[in-house]
C-alpha cells in the first residue's frame, strides 16, 4: 500500500529553492503518493488573539492542518530568512497552534518527517534546521531524517545534488526515511 506523503517548502516564494528541494527529495521515495502543496496557496492574516476571537481560525490554517492529518509522512524543506523561519510559515504555525486537537500543540500529528533545508549560504548549518530539530518534536513531529543543503546554486543542478559528498549524506538520510515509511 502506498504511503501518502505531504510535500512542501516553507516559503511563500513562487520560485522557492526549498519548494524545489522538498519536491526533489520526495520524488526519490518509492511506493508513495505525493501531495505537493505551495505555502503561497495558504495566505492568512497575521495572527493575533483579537482576530482569533473576532473571526475564529481561518479556513486556510484548517485546510493545511487537514493535509497533515491525512498524510502518512511529511517531506518539508524550510527556508531561512534573517536567521528564522519565513514569516509566512511562522504565521501559519501560529494559526495552527490554535486549532483544537486531541493533544494540545500536536501540529505535526506525530507524523514521521524528512526535515530539509536549502540555502544559498555557505554556512555548514542554518538556524532553522537547528531550531526545528529541537522544536518540532515538542509539536508532534517524529523527525526520522534531516538534511541541509548549503550553497544550493553550486551544489544542486539539473534536478540533482552534484556534490558527491553531499549526495552521499543525502542518500543516507533519504534511505532512513524510506525504511521508516516501509515499516509503518
C-alpha atoms as a PDB file:
ATOM      1  CA  UNK A   1       0.000   0.000   0.000  1.00  0.00           C
ATOM      2  CA  UNK A   2       1.371   3.394  -0.989  1.00  0.00           C
ATOM      3  CA  UNK A   3       2.098   5.875   1.787  1.00  0.00           C
ATOM      4  CA  UNK A   4       0.720   9.395   1.444  1.00  0.00           C
ATOM      5  CA  UNK A   5       3.497  11.972   1.754  1.00  0.00           C
ATOM      6  CA  UNK A   6       2.810  15.664   2.247  1.00  0.00           C
ATOM      7  CA  UNK A   7       5.466  17.743   0.479  1.00  0.00           C
ATOM      8  CA  UNK A   8       6.076  21.458   0.871  1.00  0.00           C
ATOM      9  CA  UNK A   9       8.692  24.164   1.024  1.00  0.00           C
ATOM     10  CA  UNK A  10       8.137  26.531   3.937  1.00  0.00           C
ATOM     11  CA  UNK A  11       8.362  29.685   1.870  1.00  0.00           C
ATOM     12  CA  UNK A  12       5.679  31.619   0.039  1.00  0.00           C
ATOM     13  CA  UNK A  13       8.024  32.453  -2.833  1.00  0.00           C
ATOM     14  CA  UNK A  14       6.824  31.013  -6.123  1.00  0.00           C
ATOM     15  CA  UNK A  15      10.470  30.340  -7.069  1.00  0.00           C
ATOM     16  CA  UNK A  16      11.475  28.897  -3.679  1.00  0.00           C
ATOM     17  CA  UNK A  17      14.560  26.700  -3.692  1.00  0.00           C
ATOM     18  CA  UNK A  18      13.093  24.987  -0.639  1.00  0.00           C
ATOM     19  CA  UNK A  19       9.923  24.048  -2.517  1.00  0.00           C
ATOM     20  CA  UNK A  20      12.120  22.739  -5.314  1.00  0.00           C
ATOM     21  CA  UNK A  21      14.302  20.797  -2.862  1.00  0.00           C
ATOM     22  CA  UNK A  22      11.362  19.279  -0.968  1.00  0.00           C
ATOM     23  CA  UNK A  23       9.810  18.065  -4.217  1.00  0.00           C
ATOM     24  CA  UNK A  24      13.157  16.698  -5.433  1.00  0.00           C
ATOM     25  CA  UNK A  25      13.684  14.747  -2.204  1.00  0.00           C
ATOM     26  CA  UNK A  26      10.145  13.364  -2.058  1.00  0.00           C
ATOM     27  CA  UNK A  27      10.268  12.321  -5.715  1.00  0.00           C
ATOM     28  CA  UNK A  28      13.135   9.963  -4.826  1.00  0.00           C
ATOM     29  CA  UNK A  29      10.908   7.995  -2.419  1.00  0.00           C
ATOM     30  CA  UNK A  30       9.444   4.703  -3.576  1.00  0.00           C
ATOM     31  CA  UNK A  31       5.910   3.401  -3.191  1.00  0.00           C
ATOM     32  CA  UNK A  32       4.477   6.765  -2.158  1.00  0.00           C
ATOM     33  CA  UNK A  33       1.669   9.038  -3.256  1.00  0.00           C
ATOM     34  CA  UNK A  34       2.877  12.655  -3.101  1.00  0.00           C
ATOM     35  CA  UNK A  35       0.662  15.588  -2.197  1.00  0.00           C
ATOM     36  CA  UNK A  36       2.692  18.669  -3.142  1.00  0.00           C
ATOM     37  CA  UNK A  37       1.382  21.930  -1.753  1.00  0.00           C
ATOM     38  CA  UNK A  38       2.607  25.503  -2.026  1.00  0.00           C
ATOM     39  CA  UNK A  39       2.631  27.761   1.006  1.00  0.00           C
ATOM     40  CA  UNK A  40       1.562  30.746  -1.100  1.00  0.00           C
ATOM     41  CA  UNK A  41      -1.780  28.972  -1.577  1.00  0.00           C
ATOM     42  CA  UNK A  42      -2.430  29.285   2.177  1.00  0.00           C
ATOM     43  CA  UNK A  43      -2.365  33.031   2.740  1.00  0.00           C
ATOM     44  CA  UNK A  44      -3.514  34.089   6.190  1.00  0.00           C
ATOM     45  CA  UNK A  45      -3.990  37.293   8.127  1.00  0.00           C
ATOM     46  CA  UNK A  46      -1.250  37.947  10.671  1.00  0.00           C
ATOM     47  CA  UNK A  47      -2.145  36.028  13.810  1.00  0.00           C
ATOM     48  CA  UNK A  48      -3.500  37.944  16.790  1.00  0.00           C
ATOM     49  CA  UNK A  49      -5.550  36.871  19.768  1.00  0.00           C
ATOM     50  CA  UNK A  50      -8.055  39.623  18.994  1.00  0.00           C
ATOM     51  CA  UNK A  51      -8.515  38.484  15.400  1.00  0.00           C
ATOM     52  CA  UNK A  52      -8.949  34.893  16.548  1.00  0.00           C
ATOM     53  CA  UNK A  53     -11.670  35.975  18.998  1.00  0.00           C
ATOM     54  CA  UNK A  54     -13.428  38.030  16.328  1.00  0.00           C
ATOM     55  CA  UNK A  55     -13.207  35.657  13.376  1.00  0.00           C
ATOM     56  CA  UNK A  56     -12.038  32.260  14.580  1.00  0.00           C
ATOM     57  CA  UNK A  57      -9.359  30.200  12.874  1.00  0.00           C
ATOM     58  CA  UNK A  58      -9.070  30.933   9.133  1.00  0.00           C
ATOM     59  CA  UNK A  59     -10.037  28.241   6.663  1.00  0.00           C
ATOM     60  CA  UNK A  60      -6.512  28.097   5.170  1.00  0.00           C
ATOM     61  CA  UNK A  61      -4.990  27.127   8.535  1.00  0.00           C
ATOM     62  CA  UNK A  62      -7.606  24.413   8.972  1.00  0.00           C
ATOM     63  CA  UNK A  63      -7.054  23.217   5.408  1.00  0.00           C
ATOM     64  CA  UNK A  64      -3.276  22.993   5.861  1.00  0.00           C
ATOM     65  CA  UNK A  65      -3.735  21.074   9.103  1.00  0.00           C
ATOM     66  CA  UNK A  66      -6.107  18.664   7.341  1.00  0.00           C
ATOM     67  CA  UNK A  67      -3.326  17.848   4.854  1.00  0.00           C
ATOM     68  CA  UNK A  68      -1.105  16.940   7.810  1.00  0.00           C
ATOM     69  CA  UNK A  69      -3.807  14.789   9.388  1.00  0.00           C
ATOM     70  CA  UNK A  70      -4.421  12.901   6.128  1.00  0.00           C
ATOM     71  CA  UNK A  71      -0.811  12.024   5.331  1.00  0.00           C
ATOM     72  CA  UNK A  72       1.429   9.172   6.474  1.00  0.00           C
ATOM     73  CA  UNK A  73       4.601  11.269   6.430  1.00  0.00           C
ATOM     74  CA  UNK A  74       5.964  14.726   5.677  1.00  0.00           C
ATOM     75  CA  UNK A  75       8.848  15.879   3.477  1.00  0.00           C
ATOM     76  CA  UNK A  76       9.341  19.582   4.132  1.00  0.00           C
ATOM     77  CA  UNK A  77      12.146  21.990   3.383  1.00  0.00           C
ATOM     78  CA  UNK A  78      12.461  25.125   5.485  1.00  0.00           C
ATOM     79  CA  UNK A  79      13.737  28.416   4.173  1.00  0.00           C
ATOM     80  CA  UNK A  80      15.595  30.750   6.481  1.00  0.00           C
ATOM     81  CA  UNK A  81      15.013  34.496   6.361  1.00  0.00           C
ATOM     82  CA  UNK A  82      17.189  36.599   8.623  1.00  0.00           C
ATOM     83  CA  UNK A  83      18.081  33.573  10.721  1.00  0.00           C
ATOM     84  CA  UNK A  84      14.497  32.372  11.349  1.00  0.00           C
ATOM     85  CA  UNK A  85      11.501  30.818   9.599  1.00  0.00           C
ATOM     86  CA  UNK A  86       9.796  32.742   6.845  1.00  0.00           C
ATOM     87  CA  UNK A  87       7.025  34.985   8.158  1.00  0.00           C
ATOM     88  CA  UNK A  88       4.501  33.052   6.027  1.00  0.00           C
ATOM     89  CA  UNK A  89       5.417  29.758   7.704  1.00  0.00           C
ATOM     90  CA  UNK A  90       5.654  31.202  11.212  1.00  0.00           C
ATOM     91  CA  UNK A  91       2.236  32.798  10.826  1.00  0.00           C
ATOM     92  CA  UNK A  92       0.744  29.523   9.559  1.00  0.00           C
ATOM     93  CA  UNK A  93       2.318  27.730  12.529  1.00  0.00           C
ATOM     94  CA  UNK A  94       0.838  30.291  14.937  1.00  0.00           C
ATOM     95  CA  UNK A  95      -2.642  29.808  13.493  1.00  0.00           C
ATOM     96  CA  UNK A  96      -2.367  26.011  13.500  1.00  0.00           C
ATOM     97  CA  UNK A  97      -1.291  26.038  17.139  1.00  0.00           C
ATOM     98  CA  UNK A  98      -4.739  27.439  17.954  1.00  0.00           C
ATOM     99  CA  UNK A  99      -6.675  24.594  16.316  1.00  0.00           C
ATOM    100  CA  UNK A 100      -8.365  22.398  18.922  1.00  0.00           C
ATOM    101  CA  UNK A 101      -6.707  18.980  18.846  1.00  0.00           C
ATOM    102  CA  UNK A 102      -6.703  15.845  20.971  1.00  0.00           C
ATOM    103  CA  UNK A 103      -3.218  16.618  22.265  1.00  0.00           C
ATOM    104  CA  UNK A 104      -2.512  20.332  22.619  1.00  0.00           C
ATOM    105  CA  UNK A 105       0.021  21.707  20.155  1.00  0.00           C
ATOM    106  CA  UNK A 106       0.277  18.440  18.233  1.00  0.00           C
ATOM    107  CA  UNK A 107       0.615  20.394  14.997  1.00  0.00           C
ATOM    108  CA  UNK A 108       2.572  17.660  13.194  1.00  0.00           C
ATOM    109  CA  UNK A 109       0.172  14.937  14.412  1.00  0.00           C
ATOM    110  CA  UNK A 110       3.029  12.539  15.311  1.00  0.00           C
ATOM    111  CA  UNK A 111       3.878  12.114  11.625  1.00  0.00           C
ATOM    112  CA  UNK A 112       7.327  10.952  10.517  1.00  0.00           C
ATOM    113  CA  UNK A 113       9.218  13.813   8.927  1.00  0.00           C
ATOM    114  CA  UNK A 114      12.037  14.213   6.461  1.00  0.00           C
ATOM    115  CA  UNK A 115      13.297  17.602   7.635  1.00  0.00           C
ATOM    116  CA  UNK A 116      15.122  19.531   4.930  1.00  0.00           C
ATOM    117  CA  UNK A 117      16.540  22.956   4.335  1.00  0.00           C
ATOM    118  CA  UNK A 118      18.305  24.526   1.366  1.00  0.00           C
ATOM    119  CA  UNK A 119      20.192  27.789   1.335  1.00  0.00           C
ATOM    120  CA  UNK A 120      22.444  29.792  -0.964  1.00  0.00           C
ATOM    121  CA  UNK A 121      24.645  30.422   2.092  1.00  0.00           C
ATOM    122  CA  UNK A 122      27.989  28.632   2.538  1.00  0.00           C
ATOM    123  CA  UNK A 123      27.361  28.123   6.282  1.00  0.00           C
ATOM    124  CA  UNK A 124      27.576  24.416   7.194  1.00  0.00           C
ATOM    125  CA  UNK A 125      24.286  24.587   9.186  1.00  0.00           C
ATOM    126  CA  UNK A 126      21.444  27.068   9.400  1.00  0.00           C
ATOM    127  CA  UNK A 127      19.438  28.234  12.409  1.00  0.00           C
ATOM    128  CA  UNK A 128      16.125  26.952  11.083  1.00  0.00           C
ATOM    129  CA  UNK A 129      17.436  23.393  10.904  1.00  0.00           C
ATOM    130  CA  UNK A 130      18.869  23.592  14.432  1.00  0.00           C
ATOM    131  CA  UNK A 131      15.689  25.129  15.852  1.00  0.00           C
ATOM    132  CA  UNK A 132      13.410  22.692  14.004  1.00  0.00           C
ATOM    133  CA  UNK A 133      15.254  19.642  15.313  1.00  0.00           C
ATOM    134  CA  UNK A 134      14.586  20.816  18.870  1.00  0.00           C
ATOM    135  CA  UNK A 135      11.177  22.428  18.468  1.00  0.00           C
ATOM    136  CA  UNK A 136       9.242  20.206  16.064  1.00  0.00           C
ATOM    137  CA  UNK A 137       9.193  17.101  18.299  1.00  0.00           C
ATOM    138  CA  UNK A 138       7.592  19.228  21.029  1.00  0.00           C
ATOM    139  CA  UNK A 139       4.852  19.974  18.492  1.00  0.00           C
ATOM    140  CA  UNK A 140       4.300  16.363  17.473  1.00  0.00           C
ATOM    141  CA  UNK A 141       6.867  15.710  14.741  1.00  0.00           C
ATOM    142  CA  UNK A 142       8.802  12.481  14.560  1.00  0.00           C
ATOM    143  CA  UNK A 143      11.970  13.594  12.801  1.00  0.00           C
ATOM    144  CA  UNK A 144      13.265  10.462  11.135  1.00  0.00           C
ATOM    145  CA  UNK A 145      15.880  12.062   8.900  1.00  0.00           C
ATOM    146  CA  UNK A 146      17.248  15.508   8.156  1.00  0.00           C
ATOM    147  CA  UNK A 147      19.465  17.134   5.587  1.00  0.00           C
ATOM    148  CA  UNK A 148      20.714  20.661   4.969  1.00  0.00           C
ATOM    149  CA  UNK A 149      21.959  21.634   1.512  1.00  0.00           C
ATOM    150  CA  UNK A 150      24.107  24.750   1.607  1.00  0.00           C
ATOM    151  CA  UNK A 151      25.385  26.726  -1.397  1.00  0.00           C
ATOM    152  CA  UNK A 152      22.320  25.493  -3.255  1.00  0.00           C
ATOM    153  CA  UNK A 153      23.119  27.079  -6.654  1.00  0.00           C
ATOM    154  CA  UNK A 154      26.547  25.408  -6.652  1.00  0.00           C
ATOM    155  CA  UNK A 155      25.527  22.035  -5.170  1.00  0.00           C
ATOM    156  CA  UNK A 156      22.236  21.425  -6.993  1.00  0.00           C
ATOM    157  CA  UNK A 157      21.822  21.394 -10.768  1.00  0.00           C
ATOM    158  CA  UNK A 158      19.746  19.513 -13.326  1.00  0.00           C
ATOM    159  CA  UNK A 159      17.461  18.343 -10.522  1.00  0.00           C
ATOM    160  CA  UNK A 160      20.211  16.556  -8.626  1.00  0.00           C
ATOM    161  CA  UNK A 161      22.782  17.090  -5.891  1.00  0.00           C
ATOM    162  CA  UNK A 162      26.069  17.374  -7.765  1.00  0.00           C
ATOM    163  CA  UNK A 163      28.469  17.448  -4.819  1.00  0.00           C
ATOM    164  CA  UNK A 164      29.369  13.747  -4.296  1.00  0.00           C
ATOM    165  CA  UNK A 165      29.882  14.031  -0.526  1.00  0.00           C
ATOM    166  CA  UNK A 166      26.599  15.872  -0.001  1.00  0.00           C
ATOM    167  CA  UNK A 167      24.795  13.432  -2.291  1.00  0.00           C
ATOM    168  CA  UNK A 168      26.074  10.515  -0.217  1.00  0.00           C
ATOM    169  CA  UNK A 169      24.863  12.162   3.009  1.00  0.00           C
ATOM    170  CA  UNK A 170      21.503  12.972   1.427  1.00  0.00           C
ATOM    171  CA  UNK A 171      21.073   9.407   0.146  1.00  0.00           C
ATOM    172  CA  UNK A 172      21.687   8.027   3.650  1.00  0.00           C
ATOM    173  CA  UNK A 173      19.058  10.329   5.155  1.00  0.00           C
ATOM    174  CA  UNK A 174      16.577   9.536   2.398  1.00  0.00           C
ATOM    175  CA  UNK A 175      17.155   5.810   2.917  1.00  0.00           C
ATOM    176  CA  UNK A 176      16.446   6.190   6.656  1.00  0.00           C
ATOM    177  CA  UNK A 177      13.182   7.945   5.905  1.00  0.00           C
ATOM    178  CA  UNK A 178      12.238   5.380   3.241  1.00  0.00           C
ATOM    179  CA  UNK A 179      12.948   2.493   5.629  1.00  0.00           C
ATOM    180  CA  UNK A 180      10.780   4.136   8.284  1.00  0.00           C
ATOM    181  CA  UNK A 181       7.920   4.529   5.804  1.00  0.00           C
ATOM    182  CA  UNK A 182       8.285   0.914   4.687  1.00  0.00           C
ATOM    183  CA  UNK A 183       7.863  -0.223   8.310  1.00  0.00           C
ATOM    184  CA  UNK A 184       4.723   1.805   9.008  1.00  0.00           C
END
